[in-house]
Protein backbone atom coordinates (compact mmCIF):
# COMPACT_ATOMS: atom_id res chain seq x y z
CA MET A 1 96.78 -153.60 -56.09
CA ILE A 2 93.17 -154.97 -56.39
CA LEU A 3 91.84 -157.36 -54.32
CA ASP A 4 88.69 -159.38 -54.89
CA PRO A 5 87.15 -159.77 -51.43
CA ALA A 6 85.61 -163.29 -52.74
CA HIS A 7 88.90 -164.77 -54.03
CA CYS A 8 90.75 -163.59 -51.19
CA TYR A 9 88.17 -165.29 -48.50
CA GLU A 10 88.68 -168.19 -50.68
CA ALA A 11 92.18 -168.39 -50.05
CA VAL A 12 92.14 -167.81 -46.16
CA LEU A 13 89.34 -170.88 -46.00
CA SER A 14 91.56 -172.94 -47.65
CA ARG A 15 94.78 -171.69 -46.08
CA ASP A 16 96.63 -171.72 -49.23
CA ARG A 17 100.29 -171.13 -48.56
CA ARG A 18 100.66 -169.72 -52.54
CA PHE A 19 99.08 -166.54 -51.09
CA ASP A 20 100.68 -166.13 -47.99
CA GLY A 21 102.38 -162.37 -48.03
CA ARG A 22 100.30 -161.38 -51.05
CA PHE A 23 97.56 -159.75 -49.16
CA PHE A 24 96.50 -159.56 -45.47
CA ALA A 25 93.00 -159.86 -43.64
CA GLY A 26 92.16 -157.13 -41.55
CA VAL A 27 89.07 -158.22 -39.02
CA VAL A 28 87.09 -155.31 -37.38
CA THR A 29 86.15 -156.67 -34.37
CA THR A 30 89.32 -157.89 -32.95
CA GLY A 31 91.58 -155.07 -34.69
CA VAL A 32 93.90 -157.64 -35.70
CA TYR A 33 95.33 -158.32 -39.33
CA CYS A 34 96.44 -161.93 -40.56
CA ARG A 35 98.06 -164.01 -43.01
CA PRO A 36 95.75 -166.07 -45.52
CA ILE A 37 97.54 -168.87 -43.50
CA CYS A 38 96.29 -167.78 -40.04
CA PRO A 39 95.22 -171.02 -37.91
CA VAL A 40 92.96 -168.94 -36.04
CA ARG A 41 88.98 -169.51 -37.35
CA PRO A 42 88.30 -166.96 -40.03
CA ALA A 43 85.88 -164.07 -39.36
CA LYS A 44 82.66 -163.54 -41.69
CA PRO A 45 83.35 -161.97 -44.99
CA GLU A 46 81.82 -158.63 -43.62
CA ASN A 47 84.04 -158.30 -40.71
CA VAL A 48 87.17 -158.37 -43.08
CA ARG A 49 88.99 -155.81 -44.89
CA TRP A 50 91.52 -156.64 -47.36
CA PHE A 51 95.19 -154.87 -47.66
CA ALA A 52 98.19 -155.63 -50.21
CA CYS A 53 100.82 -155.07 -47.79
CA ALA A 54 101.33 -155.08 -43.89
CA ALA A 55 102.23 -151.42 -43.78
CA ALA A 56 98.87 -150.73 -45.20
CA ALA A 57 96.84 -152.64 -42.80
CA GLU A 58 98.73 -151.05 -39.48
CA ALA A 59 98.15 -147.65 -41.62
CA ALA A 60 94.12 -148.66 -41.10
CA GLY A 61 94.74 -149.08 -37.34
CA PHE A 62 94.99 -153.04 -37.61
CA ARG A 63 97.36 -154.71 -35.25
CA PRO A 64 100.32 -157.51 -36.17
CA CYS A 65 98.07 -161.06 -35.06
CA ARG A 66 100.57 -163.16 -32.41
CA ARG A 67 99.41 -166.51 -33.61
CA CYS A 68 100.57 -166.18 -37.46
CA ARG A 69 103.19 -163.59 -37.19
CA PRO A 70 102.65 -161.41 -40.23
CA GLU A 71 105.94 -160.09 -39.75
CA THR A 72 107.30 -163.58 -40.71
CA ALA A 73 105.17 -163.82 -44.29
CA PRO A 74 107.75 -164.31 -47.31
CA GLY A 75 108.35 -161.88 -49.85
CA THR A 76 106.73 -158.35 -49.64
CA PRO A 77 103.89 -157.05 -52.03
CA ALA A 78 102.83 -158.70 -55.12
CA TRP A 79 104.03 -155.35 -57.14
CA THR A 80 107.37 -157.05 -56.35
CA GLY A 81 108.43 -158.82 -59.78
CA THR A 82 106.80 -156.02 -62.42
CA ALA A 83 108.83 -153.46 -64.13
CA ALA A 84 107.18 -150.40 -62.28
CA VAL A 85 107.91 -147.32 -60.34
CA VAL A 86 106.58 -148.94 -57.21
CA SER A 87 108.26 -152.05 -57.76
CA ARG A 88 111.78 -150.36 -58.25
CA ALA A 89 110.69 -147.69 -54.88
CA LEU A 90 110.07 -151.16 -52.88
CA ARG A 91 113.73 -152.42 -54.08
CA LEU A 92 114.87 -148.86 -53.04
CA ILE A 93 113.30 -148.61 -49.67
CA ALA A 94 114.49 -152.41 -48.60
CA ALA A 95 117.77 -151.23 -49.44
CA GLY A 96 117.15 -148.51 -46.65
CA ALA A 97 116.40 -145.64 -49.11
CA LEU A 98 114.35 -143.85 -46.22
CA ASP A 99 116.92 -144.85 -43.60
CA ASP A 100 118.70 -141.68 -44.37
CA GLY A 101 116.75 -139.76 -46.50
CA GLY A 102 112.98 -138.14 -47.20
CA VAL A 103 110.52 -139.46 -50.00
CA ASP A 104 111.65 -136.39 -51.77
CA GLY A 105 115.00 -137.93 -52.48
CA LEU A 106 113.70 -141.30 -53.13
CA ALA A 107 111.32 -139.85 -55.85
CA ASP A 108 114.16 -137.77 -57.22
CA ARG A 109 116.04 -140.84 -57.83
CA LEU A 110 113.27 -142.97 -59.26
CA GLY A 111 112.94 -139.94 -61.82
CA VAL A 112 109.42 -138.86 -60.59
CA GLY A 113 107.50 -135.97 -58.90
CA THR A 114 106.95 -136.76 -54.89
CA ARG A 115 103.22 -136.07 -55.42
CA GLN A 116 103.56 -139.03 -58.07
CA LEU A 117 105.13 -141.03 -55.79
CA ARG A 118 102.88 -140.78 -53.23
CA ARG A 119 99.81 -141.38 -55.12
CA LEU A 120 100.92 -144.70 -56.76
CA PHE A 121 101.69 -146.08 -53.39
CA ALA A 122 98.28 -144.79 -52.32
CA GLU A 123 96.56 -146.51 -55.11
CA HIS A 124 98.73 -149.56 -55.25
CA LEU A 125 99.47 -150.61 -51.65
CA GLY A 126 97.10 -148.44 -49.67
CA ALA A 127 100.00 -147.23 -47.78
CA SER A 128 102.53 -144.02 -48.23
CA PRO A 129 106.45 -144.80 -48.79
CA ALA A 130 107.29 -143.52 -45.25
CA ARG A 131 104.76 -146.40 -44.04
CA VAL A 132 106.19 -149.05 -45.94
CA ALA A 133 109.60 -148.06 -44.90
CA ARG A 134 108.66 -148.13 -41.09
CA ALA A 135 106.94 -151.57 -41.17
CA ARG A 136 110.02 -152.77 -42.60
CA ARG A 137 112.14 -151.72 -39.48
CA VAL A 138 109.11 -152.89 -36.98
CA HIS A 139 108.96 -156.28 -38.33
CA PHE A 140 112.66 -156.73 -38.54
CA ALA A 141 113.24 -155.67 -35.19
CA ARG A 142 110.23 -157.96 -33.95
CA THR A 143 112.13 -161.23 -35.74
CA LEU A 144 115.58 -159.70 -34.05
CA ILE A 145 113.76 -159.74 -31.15
CA ASP A 146 112.62 -163.27 -31.20
CA GLU A 147 115.25 -165.18 -32.71
CA THR A 148 118.38 -163.33 -31.18
CA ASP A 149 120.00 -162.35 -27.48
CA LEU A 150 120.86 -158.55 -28.32
CA PRO A 151 120.42 -156.13 -26.39
CA MET A 152 117.36 -153.69 -27.24
CA ALA A 153 119.62 -150.85 -28.23
CA GLU A 154 121.37 -153.21 -30.65
CA VAL A 155 117.98 -154.61 -31.85
CA ALA A 156 116.94 -150.75 -32.72
CA PHE A 157 120.08 -149.75 -34.80
CA ALA A 158 120.38 -152.86 -36.48
CA ALA A 159 116.94 -152.48 -38.17
CA GLY A 160 117.39 -149.12 -38.93
CA PHE A 161 115.48 -147.02 -36.20
CA GLY A 162 117.79 -143.66 -35.43
CA SER A 163 117.02 -143.89 -31.94
CA VAL A 164 115.75 -146.03 -29.16
CA ARG A 165 113.05 -143.90 -28.36
CA GLU A 166 111.76 -143.88 -31.93
CA PHE A 167 112.31 -147.48 -31.79
CA ASN A 168 110.34 -148.08 -28.27
CA HIS A 169 107.12 -145.77 -29.57
CA ALA A 170 107.02 -147.84 -33.11
CA LEU A 171 106.68 -151.42 -31.38
CA ARG A 172 104.35 -149.89 -28.68
CA THR A 173 102.50 -148.34 -31.42
CA THR A 174 102.28 -151.82 -33.28
CA TRP A 175 102.32 -154.54 -31.04
CA ARG A 176 100.79 -152.77 -27.90
CA ARG A 177 103.44 -153.77 -26.03
CA SER A 178 106.66 -152.96 -25.24
CA PRO A 179 110.13 -154.74 -26.71
CA SER A 180 110.78 -155.87 -23.49
CA GLU A 181 107.62 -157.53 -23.09
CA LEU A 182 107.72 -159.01 -26.74
CA ARG A 183 111.25 -160.38 -25.43
CA ARG A 184 109.42 -162.36 -22.65
CA THR A 185 106.64 -163.52 -24.38
CA ARG A 186 108.75 -165.05 -27.87
CA GLY A 187 108.28 -168.71 -26.79
CA ALA A 188 110.32 -171.41 -27.60
CA ARG A 189 111.43 -170.69 -31.31
CA GLY A 190 114.29 -168.51 -30.30
CA PRO A 191 116.86 -167.24 -29.58
CA LEU A 192 119.07 -168.75 -33.22
CA ALA A 193 122.25 -167.32 -32.18
CA ASP A 194 125.17 -168.46 -30.54
CA GLY A 195 128.29 -167.05 -29.58
CA ALA A 196 129.32 -163.88 -31.52
CA ASP A 197 127.24 -164.82 -34.51
CA LEU A 198 123.92 -163.70 -35.47
CA VAL A 199 121.36 -166.14 -37.32
CA VAL A 200 118.53 -165.17 -39.10
CA ARG A 201 115.85 -166.52 -41.30
CA LEU A 202 115.17 -165.33 -44.67
CA PRO A 203 111.56 -166.55 -45.56
CA TYR A 204 110.57 -167.32 -49.05
CA ARG A 205 107.64 -168.56 -50.94
CA SER A 206 108.27 -172.20 -51.75
CA PRO A 207 109.60 -173.82 -53.88
CA LEU A 208 113.07 -172.79 -54.21
CA ASP A 209 115.85 -174.42 -56.04
CA TRP A 210 118.96 -174.03 -53.83
CA PRO A 211 120.98 -176.21 -55.43
CA GLY A 212 120.26 -175.00 -58.80
CA LEU A 213 120.94 -171.49 -57.22
CA LEU A 214 124.27 -173.05 -55.71
CA GLY A 215 125.16 -174.68 -58.72
CA PHE A 216 124.80 -171.48 -60.88
CA LEU A 217 127.29 -169.42 -58.18
CA ALA A 218 129.75 -172.18 -57.37
CA PRO A 219 131.68 -171.69 -60.52
CA ARG A 220 131.23 -167.54 -60.78
CA ALA A 221 132.49 -167.57 -57.29
CA THR A 222 134.98 -164.74 -56.93
CA PRO A 223 138.15 -166.51 -55.02
CA GLY A 224 139.07 -164.71 -51.68
CA VAL A 225 135.48 -163.00 -51.46
CA GLU A 226 132.88 -165.82 -52.51
CA THR A 227 133.19 -169.93 -51.71
CA VAL A 228 130.48 -172.54 -52.33
CA ALA A 229 130.61 -175.83 -50.77
CA ASP A 230 128.47 -178.69 -49.57
CA GLY A 231 125.36 -176.78 -49.73
CA VAL A 232 126.86 -173.60 -47.86
CA TYR A 233 127.37 -169.94 -49.72
CA ARG A 234 129.75 -167.66 -47.66
CA ARG A 235 131.15 -164.40 -48.83
CA THR A 236 132.55 -161.50 -47.21
CA ILE A 237 130.73 -157.99 -47.15
CA ALA A 238 131.26 -154.70 -45.77
CA ILE A 239 128.36 -152.30 -43.73
CA GLY A 240 130.46 -148.93 -44.01
CA ASP A 241 134.09 -149.50 -43.00
CA ALA A 242 133.10 -152.32 -40.87
CA PRO A 243 134.42 -155.75 -42.97
CA GLY A 244 132.33 -159.11 -42.35
CA THR A 245 131.16 -162.41 -43.85
CA ILE A 246 127.94 -164.14 -44.09
CA GLU A 247 127.37 -167.80 -44.29
CA VAL A 248 123.82 -168.97 -46.14
CA ARG A 249 122.46 -173.02 -45.98
CA ALA A 250 118.83 -174.13 -46.52
CA ALA A 251 116.93 -174.88 -43.48
CA SER A 252 115.59 -178.65 -43.54
CA GLY A 253 112.35 -178.88 -43.99
CA GLU A 254 111.18 -175.43 -43.66
CA PRO A 255 110.65 -172.54 -46.19
CA HIS A 256 113.51 -170.22 -45.30
CA LEU A 257 117.28 -170.02 -45.29
CA LEU A 258 119.35 -169.62 -42.77
CA MET A 259 122.18 -166.97 -42.58
CA ARG A 260 124.84 -166.26 -39.92
CA VAL A 261 126.45 -163.01 -39.75
CA ARG A 262 129.78 -162.06 -38.50
CA LEU A 263 130.24 -158.60 -37.82
CA PRO A 264 131.86 -156.47 -35.63
CA ARG A 265 128.84 -154.57 -34.53
CA PRO A 266 125.13 -155.31 -35.54
CA GLU A 267 124.09 -152.24 -37.16
CA ARG A 268 122.29 -151.82 -40.38
CA LEU A 269 121.39 -155.57 -40.21
CA LEU A 270 118.51 -154.97 -41.61
CA ARG A 271 120.93 -154.38 -44.93
CA VAL A 272 122.51 -157.28 -45.05
CA VAL A 273 119.59 -159.08 -44.80
CA GLU A 274 117.88 -157.53 -47.61
CA ARG A 275 121.04 -157.49 -50.13
CA ALA A 276 120.88 -161.30 -48.98
CA ARG A 277 117.39 -161.41 -50.28
CA ARG A 278 118.11 -159.91 -53.24
CA LEU A 279 121.03 -162.34 -54.17
CA PHE A 280 119.24 -165.40 -53.81
CA ASP A 281 116.01 -164.05 -55.32
CA LEU A 282 113.51 -164.60 -52.23
CA ASP A 283 111.07 -162.09 -53.07
CA ALA A 284 110.09 -164.20 -56.16
CA ASP A 285 106.32 -165.70 -56.66
CA PRO A 286 107.62 -168.61 -58.46
CA ALA A 287 103.82 -170.13 -58.59
CA LEU A 288 103.12 -166.37 -60.62
CA ILE A 289 106.39 -166.63 -62.50
CA ALA A 290 105.59 -170.79 -63.13
CA THR A 291 102.34 -169.96 -64.63
CA HIS A 292 103.31 -167.22 -66.80
CA LEU A 293 106.22 -168.97 -68.43
CA ALA A 294 104.26 -172.91 -68.75
CA ARG A 295 102.30 -171.18 -71.76
CA SER A 296 105.37 -171.26 -73.75
CA ARG A 297 105.89 -174.81 -75.74
CA ALA A 298 109.74 -174.31 -75.33
CA LEU A 299 109.56 -173.54 -71.66
CA ALA A 300 106.86 -175.76 -70.13
CA PRO A 301 109.14 -178.84 -70.12
CA LEU A 302 112.23 -177.02 -68.43
CA ILE A 303 109.53 -175.74 -65.68
CA VAL A 304 108.46 -178.80 -64.89
CA ARG A 305 112.10 -180.07 -64.49
CA ARG A 306 113.02 -177.05 -62.41
CA PRO A 307 110.64 -175.69 -60.13
CA GLY A 308 111.49 -172.88 -57.80
CA LEU A 309 114.12 -171.72 -60.57
CA ARG A 310 115.11 -168.31 -59.24
CA VAL A 311 117.52 -165.40 -61.27
CA PRO A 312 120.70 -165.30 -58.94
CA GLY A 313 121.50 -161.99 -57.89
CA ALA A 314 124.30 -160.26 -56.90
CA TRP A 315 125.91 -158.37 -53.39
CA ASP A 316 127.06 -155.63 -55.08
CA GLY A 317 126.22 -153.88 -58.50
CA PHE A 318 129.47 -152.88 -59.14
CA GLU A 319 131.09 -156.19 -58.51
CA LEU A 320 128.59 -157.73 -60.57
CA ALA A 321 129.18 -155.40 -63.65
CA VAL A 322 133.17 -155.85 -63.27
CA ARG A 323 132.63 -159.27 -63.16
CA ALA A 324 130.26 -159.37 -66.51
CA ILE A 325 133.11 -157.54 -68.42
CA LEU A 326 135.49 -159.77 -67.20
CA GLY A 327 134.01 -162.52 -68.63
CA GLN A 328 133.66 -160.94 -72.55
CA GLN A 329 135.02 -163.15 -74.42
CA VAL A 330 136.25 -165.78 -71.89
CA THR A 331 135.30 -169.02 -70.59
CA VAL A 332 133.44 -168.75 -67.01
CA ARG A 333 136.63 -170.24 -65.26
CA GLY A 334 138.73 -168.11 -67.27
CA ALA A 335 136.79 -165.09 -66.13
CA THR A 336 137.27 -166.89 -62.29
CA THR A 337 140.36 -166.66 -62.55
CA LEU A 338 140.86 -162.96 -64.03
CA ALA A 339 138.48 -162.24 -61.11
CA GLY A 340 140.67 -163.86 -58.05
CA ARG A 341 143.98 -162.31 -59.35
CA LEU A 342 141.56 -158.50 -59.66
CA VAL A 343 140.84 -159.24 -55.82
CA ALA A 344 144.34 -160.32 -54.51
CA GLU A 345 146.06 -157.77 -56.21
CA PHE A 346 143.30 -154.39 -55.83
CA GLY A 347 141.19 -155.98 -53.10
CA THR A 348 140.94 -155.07 -49.31
CA PRO A 349 142.04 -157.89 -47.07
CA LEU A 350 140.03 -159.06 -44.02
CA PRO A 351 141.62 -158.62 -40.63
CA ARG A 352 141.47 -162.43 -40.36
CA ALA A 353 140.98 -165.23 -43.12
CA GLU A 354 138.71 -167.67 -42.77
CA ASP A 355 136.81 -170.46 -44.55
CA GLY A 356 138.99 -169.11 -48.01
CA LEU A 357 137.55 -165.73 -47.35
CA THR A 358 140.51 -163.37 -47.58
CA HIS A 359 139.68 -159.74 -49.11
CA ARG A 360 136.57 -157.44 -50.15
CA PHE A 361 135.99 -156.71 -53.41
CA PRO A 362 137.86 -153.80 -54.74
CA GLU A 363 135.99 -150.40 -54.65
CA PRO A 364 134.94 -148.26 -57.59
CA ALA A 365 137.65 -145.51 -56.74
CA ARG A 366 140.19 -147.99 -55.97
CA LEU A 367 140.06 -149.43 -59.77
CA ALA A 368 139.16 -145.90 -61.58
CA ASP A 369 142.88 -145.63 -62.16
CA ALA A 370 144.15 -148.90 -61.36
CA ASP A 371 147.09 -150.67 -63.63
CA LEU A 372 144.78 -153.71 -64.96
CA ALA A 373 147.36 -154.93 -67.13
CA SER A 374 148.97 -156.36 -64.56
CA ILE A 375 146.65 -159.47 -64.34
CA GLY A 376 147.01 -159.89 -67.84
CA LEU A 377 143.34 -158.30 -68.94
CA PRO A 378 143.28 -157.07 -72.48
CA ARG A 379 143.48 -153.63 -72.59
CA ALA A 380 140.41 -152.60 -74.12
CA ARG A 381 138.83 -154.55 -71.16
CA ALA A 382 140.60 -152.54 -68.73
CA ALA A 383 140.05 -149.29 -70.20
CA THR A 384 135.86 -150.57 -69.61
CA ILE A 385 136.19 -152.05 -66.38
CA ARG A 386 138.41 -148.04 -65.29
CA ALA A 387 135.37 -146.14 -67.06
CA LEU A 388 132.90 -148.00 -65.29
CA ALA A 389 134.67 -147.60 -61.94
CA ALA A 390 135.40 -143.84 -62.52
CA ALA A 391 131.27 -143.33 -63.40
CA ILE A 392 130.40 -145.29 -60.31
CA ALA A 393 132.81 -143.09 -58.17
CA CYS A 394 131.89 -139.80 -59.25
CA GLY A 395 127.99 -140.94 -59.23
CA GLU A 396 127.30 -140.37 -62.50
CA LEU A 397 126.31 -143.80 -62.65
CA THR A 398 124.31 -145.90 -60.32
CA LEU A 399 123.40 -149.59 -59.90
CA ASP A 400 120.70 -149.52 -57.58
CA GLY A 401 117.36 -150.24 -59.45
CA SER A 402 116.19 -147.07 -59.25
CA ARG A 403 115.45 -146.77 -63.38
CA ASP A 404 113.47 -148.68 -65.31
CA LEU A 405 114.82 -150.99 -67.66
CA GLY A 406 115.03 -149.37 -70.75
CA ASP A 407 117.34 -146.44 -68.99
CA ALA A 408 119.64 -148.51 -66.92
CA VAL A 409 120.74 -150.53 -70.40
CA SER A 410 121.13 -147.29 -71.75
CA ARG A 411 123.41 -145.61 -69.31
CA LEU A 412 125.29 -149.01 -69.07
CA VAL A 413 126.07 -148.95 -73.08
CA ALA A 414 127.04 -145.76 -72.96
CA ILE A 415 130.24 -146.70 -71.25
CA PRO A 416 132.51 -147.86 -74.10
CA GLY A 417 132.65 -151.49 -74.02
CA ILE A 418 129.73 -152.10 -72.71
CA GLY A 419 126.97 -153.98 -75.01
CA THR A 420 123.51 -154.52 -74.91
CA TRP A 421 124.56 -158.23 -73.97
CA THR A 422 126.46 -157.07 -70.86
CA ALA A 423 124.06 -154.25 -69.84
CA HIS A 424 120.88 -156.75 -69.64
CA TYR A 425 122.71 -159.24 -68.13
CA VAL A 426 123.80 -156.98 -65.20
CA ALA A 427 120.45 -155.61 -65.23
CA MET A 428 119.12 -159.10 -64.63
CA ARG A 429 121.38 -159.84 -62.00
CA ALA A 430 122.69 -156.56 -59.90
CA LEU A 431 119.31 -154.49 -61.03
CA GLY A 432 117.08 -157.40 -60.32
CA GLU A 433 115.07 -156.35 -63.34
CA PRO A 434 112.70 -159.78 -64.10
CA ASP A 435 112.53 -158.95 -67.93
CA ALA A 436 116.26 -158.38 -68.54
CA PHE A 437 117.01 -160.65 -71.65
CA PRO A 438 120.69 -160.86 -73.70
CA ALA A 439 119.09 -161.71 -76.81
CA ALA A 440 122.06 -162.19 -78.46
CA ASP A 441 123.48 -164.46 -75.87
CA LEU A 442 124.86 -167.40 -77.75
CA GLY A 443 123.51 -170.40 -75.07
CA LEU A 444 119.80 -168.67 -75.43
CA ARG A 445 120.22 -168.63 -79.63
CA ARG A 446 121.68 -172.22 -79.50
CA ALA A 447 118.58 -173.65 -76.88
CA LEU A 448 115.63 -172.10 -78.92
CA GLY A 449 117.31 -173.54 -82.05
CA HIS A 450 116.79 -177.04 -80.83
CA GLY A 451 120.16 -178.03 -81.60
CA GLY A 452 119.93 -177.12 -85.17
CA ALA A 453 121.46 -174.03 -86.02
CA ARG A 454 121.33 -171.01 -84.14
CA LEU A 455 118.90 -168.91 -84.03
CA ALA A 456 119.22 -165.18 -85.02
CA SER A 457 118.98 -162.43 -82.36
CA ALA A 458 116.10 -161.18 -83.60
CA ARG A 459 114.14 -164.30 -83.44
CA VAL A 460 115.06 -164.81 -80.10
CA ALA A 461 114.16 -161.27 -78.99
CA GLU A 462 110.42 -162.20 -81.31
CA LEU A 463 110.02 -165.46 -78.89
CA ALA A 464 110.89 -164.31 -75.55
CA GLU A 465 107.90 -160.93 -76.54
CA ALA A 466 105.26 -163.64 -74.97
CA TRP A 467 107.40 -164.40 -71.98
CA ARG A 468 107.19 -160.61 -70.80
CA PRO A 469 107.30 -159.67 -67.96
CA TRP A 470 109.31 -162.55 -66.72
CA ARG A 471 112.19 -162.97 -69.46
CA ALA A 472 115.19 -162.93 -66.82
CA TYR A 473 113.27 -166.50 -65.57
CA ALA A 474 113.24 -167.83 -69.14
CA ALA A 475 116.85 -166.80 -69.92
CA LEU A 476 117.63 -168.97 -66.52
CA HIS A 477 115.84 -171.62 -67.04
CA LEU A 478 117.12 -171.81 -70.90
CA TRP A 479 120.58 -171.35 -69.74
CA THR A 480 120.22 -174.30 -67.15
CA ALA A 481 118.69 -176.90 -69.25
CA SER A 482 121.47 -176.59 -72.15
CA ASN A 483 124.32 -176.18 -69.69
CA ALA A 484 125.24 -172.77 -71.14
CA SER A 485 128.87 -172.76 -69.64
CA SER A 486 129.45 -169.00 -71.89
CA VAL A 487 127.07 -167.04 -69.13
CA SER A 488 129.71 -164.81 -67.23
């Protein structure tokens, strides 16, 4: 990522929130790096160095500013949102790819060489994959220190550190203070936790169409697994074998969501946070996307009408793929009914039901040989779900966003019963592919026909070429504007 010093400095002088988290400023005279919105008086231009991400600033020897708190900046580097190797690698790192494995394994999952991956990170981010992963753990640990009363050992493991010693060393290196010293100086803002629950903030770039997100998710909420009511999203989760729940709501007047987490142990809590961020597409840059799509005459009025519209993601790729198959050739309500039957018959019951949440979604191995006729599913779709489940259970297919869009779609359509529409829908929501676009969708063909005859799929695909690399967002705008009920 090329950073223009003059433009970056102008953004710092204006403290424009649109640039928050997109780059960081390191001041050589103090050894501190800041967000563009830092309230401290800017240093002279000749004393500032510019970095694409916090990890790059820390790798260059700068420490985080105590005033603007770089670890609380929204989103990730500006490369997120493009169909590139670096973007996919960042998604995997956020999902914990380097918590249990090395860079070699990450490169192998991405289908590139280790040396090439390191070179791409150095070129576009200015930091190695390991540095990015380390910064991610350190910053989340600092958030837990400030916002919870968890014991330090639990903070360490919740943030993905392998040991308390590693945790202590990383925080001392980054902040020049021990974890206990950081907690003593956290100020009046935390903690957010109450009782046995943990509450964490999920920052985002404004605007965020929270009602739009819930409006999309509510009719598609799987009974027993998810609920949407009174502006709150709830669902069951599992980290390893530990079942739990999350509850997410908007924070009044502030650019973050509040997520309440209930788990027997807070280990791997960072993975819960990252999956929730993916579910609500919180790393998107709405201003950048809107500027690009507003060039289209068809999309411009839709973007004005729904600023901050996001692409709803998925908690689990397999769960979303099964839901998409259930929705083939039926209404949204019909698909939701089938999903509820599937969960009731094959899901894992929670030890204690709460707020309409009763089960975890079935694991792939459970459905690979299941008799799905018992829930009223047509034979062909039952066979497709079993084939998908078997492919994932044996490792033949992964739904982790590690491959590019074309590769992901081709692997999905290789499963009998999964067509191009379903594959793009899964890529769009489960894999976080911003350029996925189901051109054959009836809702899109109607919407672009402007009330007349449905456009041919080829014509829809042709029109959408100008919307790259944000075609998924264009599809959501068109679906939302037309209230397309055919979308699973």
